[in-house]
Amino acid sequence: MAKTILEVNDLTVGFPREDGLLKATDRVSFAIEEGQTLCVVGESGSGKSVTSLAIMRLIDFAGGFIAGGQVRFDGEELTKKRQSEMNRIRGERMAMIFQDPMSALNPVFAVGEQIAESLRLHKGLSKKDAWNKAVELLKLVGIPEAEIRAKQFPFQLSGGMCQRVVIAMALACEPELIIADEPTTALDVTIQAQILDLLRRLKRERKTATLLITHDMGVAAEMADRIAVMYAGTIVEEGTVDHIFNAPRHPYTVGLLRSIPRLEEEPGSELYAIRGSIPGISDIPKGCRFHPRCPYAMDRCKHEEPALQDAGGGHRAACWLDGLPEEAAI
């Protein structure tokens, strides 16, 4: 049986304000096993990045806090740990690849030095050994002329190279878990394919557990073992790639899948779009959070919020409908 690396149970993240608590996520639960990739998908504002920051306990520095639930990493409860304890875990045992590589890199240090610093801090390597390892890591992530590039600064590298540097930094201490927050958003299609191929290879060779955050259902289909669909701070559906793409149980999931452009569509035809927009955290509707945008909403949906229910085979969905209508088929 595969080892569970990350277990998130009923995670609620809050932001305080004068008139009360704003919940950015509400009772989020999922688990990731060794060598498994879980993709969290949803529109901007769904709570994907907030969830990842909470897992890393970086939400503490963003004005938020964990208001409830548990985050267990390799059996250790993280929600009550001091930041000094988290500093020993972050970078060494779990690492994060941020969406914007330029904001994750220090502009006044050479990229090789930034990688080497992590190795000296967490692995106790000498300055020379850490530098040599940093060059090896740059080669591993496919950067040509790694010895030269290691001495360069972030502004001297392309966006794709900077993203590879960030991945190299994340891999430096061979973490058990990598959290990748939209790692290919700012990259062109060719570089995106190379980065995704790199993540697949590292997962295969190192059995690293990966939490991949994306709004791109195509990326999820290509990369995931399991997919969690997130909407307005909650998970509304979770299952294998086959469950989500071939037998979706939530109208929001169906809407996301219908929004994917298809080659068989007539040129100039209008792309499908989910009506309305995702609510802000201060304007969450009662009942099912998706009901104002749902074409199949019933009266019950407006007053009672459904919980994630087992749909068989590890497939879960939060919907009052007992199966979607035939016209909802993808």
Protein backbone atom coordinates (compact mmCIF):
# COMPACT_ATOMS: atom_id res chain seq x y z
CA MET A 1 0.00 0.00 0.00
CA ALA A 2 1.34 3.44 -0.97
CA LYS A 3 2.47 5.76 1.81
CA THR A 4 0.34 8.86 2.41
CA ILE A 5 2.59 11.92 2.28
CA LEU A 6 0.03 14.71 2.77
CA GLU A 7 -3.37 14.52 4.43
CA VAL A 8 -5.57 17.62 4.63
CA ASN A 9 -8.72 17.36 6.73
CA ASP A 10 -11.43 20.06 6.96
CA LEU A 11 -8.93 22.85 6.35
CA THR A 12 -10.44 26.29 6.89
CA VAL A 13 -8.38 29.40 6.20
CA GLY A 14 -9.55 32.76 7.49
CA PHE A 15 -8.72 36.42 7.09
CA PRO A 16 -9.75 38.62 10.04
CA ARG A 17 -11.62 41.88 9.63
CA GLU A 18 -13.45 44.21 11.99
CA ASP A 19 -16.92 42.72 11.48
CA GLY A 20 -15.85 39.09 11.61
CA LEU A 21 -13.91 36.34 9.88
CA LEU A 22 -13.70 35.93 6.12
CA LYS A 23 -13.25 32.29 5.13
CA ALA A 24 -11.07 31.88 2.06
CA THR A 25 -11.38 28.09 2.23
CA ASP A 26 -13.94 26.03 4.10
CA ARG A 27 -13.49 22.40 5.17
CA VAL A 28 -11.11 21.37 2.40
CA SER A 29 -10.03 17.72 2.54
CA PHE A 30 -7.80 15.55 0.33
CA ALA A 31 -4.77 13.27 0.51
CA ILE A 32 -1.70 12.66 -1.66
CA GLU A 33 0.31 9.44 -1.70
CA GLU A 34 3.97 8.91 -2.48
CA GLY A 35 4.65 9.34 -6.20
CA GLN A 36 1.11 10.64 -6.83
CA THR A 37 0.07 13.90 -8.49
CA LEU A 38 -3.10 15.62 -7.31
CA CYS A 39 -4.27 18.50 -9.50
CA VAL A 40 -6.45 21.16 -7.89
CA VAL A 41 -8.44 22.94 -10.61
CA GLY A 42 -10.90 25.81 -10.69
CA GLU A 43 -11.33 29.42 -11.71
CA SER A 44 -9.26 32.23 -10.23
CA GLY A 45 -10.63 32.99 -6.77
CA SER A 46 -11.54 29.39 -5.98
CA GLY A 47 -9.05 29.18 -3.09
CA LYS A 48 -6.40 27.03 -4.76
CA SER A 49 -3.37 29.17 -3.94
CA VAL A 50 -4.63 29.97 -0.44
CA THR A 51 -4.83 26.23 0.23
CA SER A 52 -1.23 25.71 -0.88
CA LEU A 53 0.01 28.64 1.23
CA ALA A 54 -1.82 27.22 4.25
CA ILE A 55 -0.21 23.80 3.78
CA MET A 56 3.23 25.44 3.73
CA ARG A 57 2.19 27.70 6.65
CA LEU A 58 3.09 30.69 4.48
CA ILE A 59 -0.46 32.00 4.89
CA ASP A 60 0.75 33.35 8.25
CA PHE A 61 2.79 35.95 6.35
CA ALA A 62 -0.08 36.90 4.03
CA GLY A 63 -2.48 38.20 6.66
CA GLY A 64 -4.40 34.94 7.06
CA PHE A 65 -4.41 32.02 9.45
CA ILE A 66 -5.61 28.45 9.74
CA ALA A 67 -9.00 28.72 11.46
CA GLY A 68 -9.73 25.00 11.59
CA GLY A 69 -8.80 21.54 10.40
CA GLN A 70 -5.57 19.57 10.19
CA VAL A 71 -2.63 19.32 7.81
CA ARG A 72 -0.60 16.15 8.31
CA PHE A 73 2.68 15.84 6.45
CA ASP A 74 4.19 12.36 6.66
CA GLY A 75 2.22 11.90 9.87
CA GLU A 76 3.26 15.22 11.45
CA GLU A 77 0.62 17.81 12.30
CA LEU A 78 1.70 21.14 10.83
CA THR A 79 -1.03 23.55 11.88
CA LYS A 80 0.32 24.05 15.41
CA LYS A 81 4.03 24.13 14.63
CA ARG A 82 6.08 27.26 15.24
CA GLN A 83 7.54 29.01 12.22
CA SER A 84 11.03 28.06 13.38
CA GLU A 85 9.97 24.41 13.12
CA MET A 86 8.37 25.00 9.71
CA ASN A 87 11.61 26.55 8.45
CA ARG A 88 13.29 23.17 8.89
CA ILE A 89 10.54 21.46 6.91
CA ARG A 90 10.11 23.99 4.11
CA GLY A 91 12.76 23.58 1.47
CA GLU A 92 14.15 20.35 2.89
CA ARG A 93 11.11 18.07 3.03
CA MET A 94 8.47 20.08 1.15
CA ALA A 95 9.05 22.72 -1.49
CA MET A 96 6.98 25.13 -3.54
CA ILE A 97 7.23 26.23 -7.17
CA PHE A 98 5.58 29.63 -7.39
CA GLN A 99 3.55 30.93 -10.32
CA ASP A 100 5.87 33.86 -11.08
CA PRO A 101 9.52 32.72 -11.10
CA MET A 102 10.84 36.29 -11.12
CA SER A 103 9.15 37.03 -7.79
CA ALA A 104 10.57 33.82 -6.30
CA LEU A 105 14.18 34.65 -7.23
CA ASN A 106 16.34 37.30 -5.59
CA PRO A 107 17.45 39.74 -8.31
CA VAL A 108 20.77 40.62 -6.61
CA PHE A 109 22.20 37.08 -6.35
CA ALA A 110 23.35 34.71 -9.08
CA VAL A 111 20.90 31.86 -9.58
CA GLY A 112 23.52 29.22 -8.72
CA GLU A 113 24.21 30.94 -5.41
CA GLN A 114 20.49 30.94 -4.56
CA ILE A 115 20.31 27.17 -5.08
CA ALA A 116 23.58 26.60 -3.21
CA GLU A 117 22.32 28.60 -0.21
CA SER A 118 19.48 26.13 0.33
CA LEU A 119 21.92 23.21 0.18
CA ARG A 120 24.25 24.81 2.71
CA LEU A 121 21.36 25.65 5.03
CA HIS A 122 19.48 22.35 4.94
CA LYS A 123 22.16 19.81 3.98
CA GLY A 124 25.23 21.36 5.62
CA LEU A 125 27.29 21.21 2.42
CA SER A 126 30.46 23.19 2.04
CA LYS A 127 30.43 26.24 -0.23
CA LYS A 128 32.25 24.36 -2.99
CA ASP A 129 30.12 21.21 -2.76
CA ALA A 130 26.91 23.24 -2.66
CA TRP A 131 27.96 25.16 -5.78
CA ASN A 132 28.82 21.97 -7.67
CA LYS A 133 25.47 20.45 -6.66
CA ALA A 134 23.67 23.59 -7.82
CA VAL A 135 25.26 23.25 -11.25
CA GLU A 136 24.23 19.57 -11.36
CA LEU A 137 20.65 20.56 -10.56
CA LEU A 138 20.60 23.15 -13.35
CA LYS A 139 21.74 20.42 -15.74
CA LEU A 140 19.04 18.11 -14.36
CA VAL A 141 16.28 20.60 -15.19
CA GLY A 142 17.60 21.03 -18.73
CA ILE A 143 19.42 24.34 -18.61
CA PRO A 144 22.20 24.41 -21.25
CA GLU A 145 25.68 25.62 -20.32
CA ALA A 146 24.77 25.22 -16.66
CA GLU A 147 28.21 26.30 -15.40
CA ILE A 148 27.80 29.66 -17.16
CA ARG A 149 24.12 30.13 -16.33
CA ALA A 150 24.75 29.45 -12.62
CA LYS A 151 26.81 32.64 -12.46
CA GLN A 152 24.12 34.76 -14.10
CA PHE A 153 21.38 36.80 -12.45
CA PRO A 154 17.64 36.24 -12.96
CA PHE A 155 17.25 39.22 -15.30
CA GLN A 156 19.79 37.63 -17.65
CA LEU A 157 17.65 34.51 -18.12
CA SER A 158 14.45 33.92 -20.05
CA GLY A 159 11.15 33.25 -18.27
CA GLY A 160 11.39 29.55 -19.10
CA MET A 161 14.93 29.33 -17.71
CA CYS A 162 13.91 31.18 -14.53
CA GLN A 163 11.09 28.69 -14.02
CA ARG A 164 13.60 25.85 -14.41
CA VAL A 165 15.83 27.53 -11.81
CA VAL A 166 12.89 27.69 -9.40
CA ILE A 167 12.24 23.97 -10.00
CA ALA A 168 15.93 23.24 -9.38
CA MET A 169 15.68 25.14 -6.08
CA ALA A 170 12.61 23.13 -5.13
CA LEU A 171 14.41 19.86 -5.89
CA ALA A 172 17.69 20.79 -4.21
CA CYS A 173 17.05 18.90 -0.98
CA GLU A 174 15.04 16.08 -2.62
CA PRO A 175 11.73 16.92 -0.89
CA GLU A 176 8.99 14.37 -0.33
CA LEU A 177 6.33 16.85 -1.52
CA ILE A 178 6.38 19.52 -4.22
CA ILE A 179 3.61 22.11 -4.45
CA ALA A 180 3.50 23.70 -7.92
CA ASP A 181 1.24 26.75 -8.17
CA GLU A 182 0.43 27.39 -11.84
CA PRO A 183 4.06 26.65 -12.84
CA THR A 184 3.49 27.10 -16.59
CA THR A 185 1.03 30.02 -16.74
CA ALA A 186 3.46 32.63 -18.06
CA LEU A 187 5.28 30.30 -20.46
CA ASP A 188 4.77 29.65 -24.15
CA VAL A 189 3.38 26.30 -25.28
CA THR A 190 6.76 24.75 -26.13
CA ILE A 191 8.37 25.64 -22.79
CA GLN A 192 5.20 24.61 -20.97
CA ALA A 193 5.44 21.14 -22.49
CA GLN A 194 9.10 20.88 -21.45
CA ILE A 195 8.35 21.93 -17.86
CA LEU A 196 5.49 19.44 -17.56
CA ASP A 197 7.66 16.68 -19.00
CA LEU A 198 10.32 17.54 -16.43
CA LEU A 199 7.81 17.30 -13.57
CA ARG A 200 6.62 13.92 -14.85
CA ARG A 201 10.18 12.62 -15.08
CA LEU A 202 11.04 13.76 -11.57
CA LYS A 203 7.88 12.14 -10.21
CA ARG A 204 8.75 8.89 -11.98
CA GLU A 205 12.41 8.82 -10.96
CA ARG A 206 12.15 10.20 -7.41
CA LYS A 207 8.59 9.18 -6.46
CA THR A 208 7.91 12.72 -5.32
CA ALA A 209 4.34 13.52 -4.30
CA THR A 210 3.05 16.56 -6.19
CA LEU A 211 0.24 19.02 -5.55
CA LEU A 212 -0.27 20.78 -8.88
CA ILE A 213 -2.50 23.86 -8.95
CA THR A 214 -3.86 24.84 -12.35
CA HIS A 215 -6.83 26.41 -14.10
CA ASP A 216 -6.01 24.44 -17.27
CA MET A 217 -8.05 21.24 -17.55
CA GLY A 218 -5.76 20.07 -20.36
CA VAL A 219 -2.76 20.22 -18.03
CA ALA A 220 -4.75 18.34 -15.37
CA ALA A 221 -5.67 15.60 -17.85
CA GLU A 222 -2.02 15.22 -18.82
CA MET A 223 -0.44 15.35 -15.37
CA ALA A 224 -2.85 14.14 -12.70
CA ASP A 225 -3.49 10.83 -11.01
CA ARG A 226 -6.38 12.45 -9.16
CA ILE A 227 -8.19 15.77 -9.61
CA ALA A 228 -9.89 17.96 -7.02
CA VAL A 229 -12.29 20.56 -8.43
CA MET A 230 -12.47 23.64 -6.23
CA TYR A 231 -15.12 26.36 -6.23
CA ALA A 232 -15.54 29.36 -3.90
CA GLY A 233 -13.27 27.92 -1.21
CA THR A 234 -14.59 24.34 -1.18
CA ILE A 235 -13.93 21.13 -3.07
CA VAL A 236 -17.04 20.25 -5.06
CA GLU A 237 -15.74 17.10 -6.76
CA GLU A 238 -12.76 14.78 -6.47
CA GLY A 239 -11.78 11.64 -8.31
CA THR A 240 -9.44 10.01 -10.78
CA VAL A 241 -8.79 11.57 -14.18
CA ASP A 242 -11.23 9.04 -15.65
CA HIS A 243 -13.93 9.99 -13.12
CA ILE A 244 -13.60 13.73 -13.75
CA PHE A 245 -13.34 13.64 -17.54
CA ASN A 246 -15.60 10.71 -18.39
CA ALA A 247 -18.17 10.67 -15.58
CA PRO A 248 -18.35 14.12 -13.92
CA ARG A 249 -20.98 14.43 -11.18
CA HIS A 250 -20.99 18.17 -10.48
CA PRO A 251 -22.38 20.86 -12.85
CA TYR A 252 -19.35 23.06 -12.21
CA THR A 253 -17.01 20.30 -13.38
CA VAL A 254 -19.15 19.89 -16.49
CA GLY A 255 -18.92 23.63 -17.13
CA LEU A 256 -15.12 23.58 -16.86
CA LEU A 257 -14.89 20.65 -19.27
CA ARG A 258 -17.25 22.30 -21.76
CA SER A 259 -15.06 25.41 -21.70
CA ILE A 260 -12.13 23.51 -23.23
CA PRO A 261 -11.71 24.45 -26.93
CA ARG A 262 -12.11 21.45 -29.25
CA LEU A 263 -10.65 20.82 -32.70
CA GLU A 264 -13.99 19.61 -34.08
CA GLU A 265 -15.70 22.94 -33.39
CA GLU A 266 -16.55 25.09 -36.40
CA PRO A 267 -14.19 28.05 -37.01
CA GLY A 268 -15.66 31.20 -35.54
CA SER A 269 -18.08 29.35 -33.27
CA GLU A 270 -18.65 30.80 -29.82
CA LEU A 271 -16.76 29.15 -26.98
CA TYR A 272 -18.80 27.85 -24.05
CA ALA A 273 -18.57 29.91 -20.87
CA ILE A 274 -20.09 29.35 -17.44
CA ARG A 275 -22.54 32.19 -16.88
CA GLY A 276 -21.86 34.72 -14.15
CA SER A 277 -18.69 34.90 -12.09
CA ILE A 278 -17.25 33.27 -9.01
CA PRO A 279 -18.34 34.99 -5.75
CA GLY A 280 -15.87 36.84 -3.54
CA ILE A 281 -15.13 35.48 -0.08
CA SER A 282 -17.28 38.21 1.47
CA ASP A 283 -20.27 37.35 -0.74
CA ILE A 284 -20.64 33.56 -0.52
CA PRO A 285 -24.27 32.57 -1.29
CA LYS A 286 -26.33 30.39 1.02
CA GLY A 287 -26.89 26.78 0.11
CA CYS A 288 -24.82 25.35 -2.69
CA ARG A 289 -22.19 27.95 -3.56
CA PHE A 290 -22.57 27.24 -7.27
CA HIS A 291 -26.36 27.49 -7.44
CA PRO A 292 -26.54 31.11 -8.82
CA ARG A 293 -24.61 29.90 -11.90
CA CYS A 294 -25.97 26.36 -12.14
CA PRO A 295 -28.41 25.55 -14.98
CA TYR A 296 -29.87 22.66 -12.94
CA ALA A 297 -30.33 24.41 -9.57
CA MET A 298 -33.34 23.35 -7.50
CA ASP A 299 -34.99 25.13 -4.59
CA ARG A 300 -33.09 22.92 -2.15
CA CYS A 301 -29.79 24.10 -3.66
CA LYS A 302 -30.59 27.66 -2.56
CA HIS A 303 -30.95 26.79 1.12
CA GLU A 304 -28.86 23.68 1.92
CA GLU A 305 -25.17 23.24 1.19
CA PRO A 306 -24.37 19.70 0.04
CA ALA A 307 -21.44 17.78 1.52
CA LEU A 308 -18.99 15.70 -0.49
CA GLN A 309 -20.67 12.32 -0.94
CA ASP A 310 -19.12 9.07 -2.08
CA ALA A 311 -20.04 8.31 -5.70
CA GLY A 312 -18.14 5.01 -5.76
CA GLY A 313 -14.56 4.02 -6.41
CA GLY A 314 -13.06 6.98 -4.58
CA HIS A 315 -15.15 9.45 -6.57
CA ARG A 316 -16.79 12.19 -4.47
CA ALA A 317 -19.14 15.02 -5.41
CA ALA A 318 -21.07 17.72 -3.53
CA CYS A 319 -24.37 18.03 -5.40
CA TRP A 320 -28.03 17.47 -4.55
CA LEU A 321 -28.74 16.09 -8.02
CA ASP A 322 -28.96 12.32 -8.22
CA GLY A 323 -26.94 12.21 -11.39
CA LEU A 324 -26.76 14.91 -14.06
CA PRO A 325 -29.39 15.20 -16.80
CA GLU A 326 -28.59 13.66 -20.20
CA GLU A 327 -28.10 17.06 -21.80
CA ALA A 328 -25.23 17.66 -19.37
CA ALA A 329 -23.14 14.96 -21.06
CA ILE A 330 -19.80 16.29 -22.34
